[in-house]
Amino acid sequence: MYKTTWLIIYEEEGISHKVEFIQYHFGKIPRFPSWYMEENKLYTIEMIWNFKLIIKPSIFMKCLFHQYIIS
């Protein structure tokens, strides 16, 4: 089980927005989910962290249900 943190930067009307996107998953190769992006917007996406988690029941459930946290 892995936890991947992405930093997403996009500009809207000249204002730069930064969003942190945390993804829990079972795969070793993290892939950014395309459902997050909107058409006609330019995004800069950077992977900050990708590390293996200690197996605990609560983390297993997050991975099982593909939990995402956007802040």
C-alpha atoms as a PDB file:
ATOM      1  CA  MET A   1       0.000   0.000   0.000  1.00  0.00           C
ATOM      2  CA  TYR A   2       1.274   3.407  -0.960  1.00  0.00           C
ATOM      3  CA  LYS A   3       0.545   7.062  -0.320  1.00  0.00           C
ATOM      4  CA  THR A   4       1.282   9.499  -3.139  1.00  0.00           C
ATOM      5  CA  THR A   5       1.116  13.272  -2.741  1.00  0.00           C
ATOM      6  CA  TRP A   6       0.760  15.486  -5.800  1.00  0.00           C
ATOM      7  CA  LEU A   7       1.087  19.274  -6.041  1.00  0.00           C
ATOM      8  CA  ILE A   8      -1.221  20.749  -8.668  1.00  0.00           C
ATOM      9  CA  ILE A   9      -0.824  24.326  -9.834  1.00  0.00           C
ATOM     10  CA  TYR A  10      -3.197  26.036 -12.254  1.00  0.00           C
ATOM     11  CA  GLU A  11      -3.888  29.612 -13.214  1.00  0.00           C
ATOM     12  CA  GLU A  12      -7.317  31.145 -13.397  1.00  0.00           C
ATOM     13  CA  GLU A  13      -7.805  34.775 -14.406  1.00  0.00           C
ATOM     14  CA  GLY A  14      -4.152  35.530 -13.654  1.00  0.00           C
ATOM     15  CA  ILE A  15      -4.281  34.023 -10.159  1.00  0.00           C
ATOM     16  CA  SER A  16      -2.165  30.958  -9.400  1.00  0.00           C
ATOM     17  CA  HIS A  17      -3.902  28.231  -7.360  1.00  0.00           C
ATOM     18  CA  LYS A  18      -2.013  25.458  -5.539  1.00  0.00           C
ATOM     19  CA  VAL A  19      -3.780  22.261  -4.542  1.00  0.00           C
ATOM     20  CA  GLU A  20      -2.375  19.274  -2.654  1.00  0.00           C
ATOM     21  CA  PHE A  21      -3.819  15.957  -3.776  1.00  0.00           C
ATOM     22  CA  ILE A  22      -3.211  12.830  -1.636  1.00  0.00           C
ATOM     23  CA  GLN A  23      -3.911   9.406  -3.119  1.00  0.00           C
ATOM     24  CA  TYR A  24      -3.897   6.033  -1.337  1.00  0.00           C
ATOM     25  CA  HIS A  25      -3.389   3.063  -3.649  1.00  0.00           C
ATOM     26  CA  PHE A  26      -2.036  -0.479  -3.980  1.00  0.00           C
ATOM     27  CA  GLY A  27       0.107   0.069  -7.089  1.00  0.00           C
ATOM     28  CA  LYS A  28       3.816   0.811  -7.131  1.00  0.00           C
ATOM     29  CA  ILE A  29       3.524   3.108 -10.150  1.00  0.00           C
ATOM     30  CA  PRO A  30       1.333   6.079  -9.200  1.00  0.00           C
ATOM     31  CA  ARG A  31      -0.896   7.505 -11.902  1.00  0.00           C
ATOM     32  CA  PHE A  32      -2.635  10.813 -11.633  1.00  0.00           C
ATOM     33  CA  PRO A  33      -6.413  10.393 -11.958  1.00  0.00           C
ATOM     34  CA  SER A  34      -7.714  12.191 -15.036  1.00  0.00           C
ATOM     35  CA  TRP A  35     -11.185  12.840 -13.562  1.00  0.00           C
ATOM     36  CA  TYR A  36      -9.717  15.724 -11.527  1.00  0.00           C
ATOM     37  CA  MET A  37      -8.834  17.850 -14.560  1.00  0.00           C
ATOM     38  CA  GLU A  38     -11.172  20.132 -16.476  1.00  0.00           C
ATOM     39  CA  GLU A  39     -11.050  20.967 -20.167  1.00  0.00           C
ATOM     40  CA  ASN A  40      -9.323  24.147 -21.403  1.00  0.00           C
ATOM     41  CA  LYS A  41      -7.215  24.583 -18.239  1.00  0.00           C
ATOM     42  CA  LEU A  42      -3.447  24.375 -18.058  1.00  0.00           C
ATOM     43  CA  TYR A  43      -2.169  22.337 -15.091  1.00  0.00           C
ATOM     44  CA  THR A  44       1.324  21.845 -13.688  1.00  0.00           C
ATOM     45  CA  ILE A  45       1.454  18.560 -11.802  1.00  0.00           C
ATOM     46  CA  GLU A  46       4.373  17.516  -9.626  1.00  0.00           C
ATOM     47  CA  MET A  47       4.707  14.380  -7.542  1.00  0.00           C
ATOM     48  CA  ILE A  48       6.011  15.334  -4.074  1.00  0.00           C
ATOM     49  CA  TRP A  49       5.910  11.997  -2.216  1.00  0.00           C
ATOM     50  CA  ASN A  50       5.417   8.355  -3.079  1.00  0.00           C
ATOM     51  CA  PHE A  51       6.143   6.013  -0.206  1.00  0.00           C
ATOM     52  CA  LYS A  52       5.123   2.625   1.116  1.00  0.00           C
ATOM     53  CA  LEU A  53       2.835   2.605   4.153  1.00  0.00           C
ATOM     54  CA  ILE A  54       2.811   0.344   7.168  1.00  0.00           C
ATOM     55  CA  ILE A  55      -0.148  -1.985   6.857  1.00  0.00           C
ATOM     56  CA  LYS A  56      -2.860  -1.015   9.348  1.00  0.00           C
ATOM     57  CA  PRO A  57      -6.601  -1.735   9.061  1.00  0.00           C
ATOM     58  CA  SER A  58      -7.462   1.972   8.693  1.00  0.00           C
ATOM     59  CA  ILE A  59      -4.924   2.519   5.908  1.00  0.00           C
ATOM     60  CA  PHE A  60      -6.024  -0.702   4.194  1.00  0.00           C
ATOM     61  CA  MET A  61      -9.606   0.616   4.063  1.00  0.00           C
ATOM     62  CA  LYS A  62      -8.420   3.925   2.555  1.00  0.00           C
ATOM     63  CA  CYS A  63      -6.584   2.005  -0.157  1.00  0.00           C
ATOM     64  CA  LEU A  64      -9.442  -0.433  -0.706  1.00  0.00           C
ATOM     65  CA  PHE A  65     -11.909   2.388  -1.379  1.00  0.00           C
ATOM     66  CA  HIS A  66      -9.328   4.481  -3.318  1.00  0.00           C
ATOM     67  CA  GLN A  67      -9.640   7.446  -0.989  1.00  0.00           C
ATOM     68  CA  TYR A  68      -8.459  10.831  -2.259  1.00  0.00           C
ATOM     69  CA  ILE A  69      -7.873  13.901  -0.105  1.00  0.00           C
ATOM     70  CA  ILE A  70      -7.822  17.339  -1.742  1.00  0.00           C
ATOM     71  CA  SER A  71      -6.754  20.337   0.268  1.00  0.00           C
END
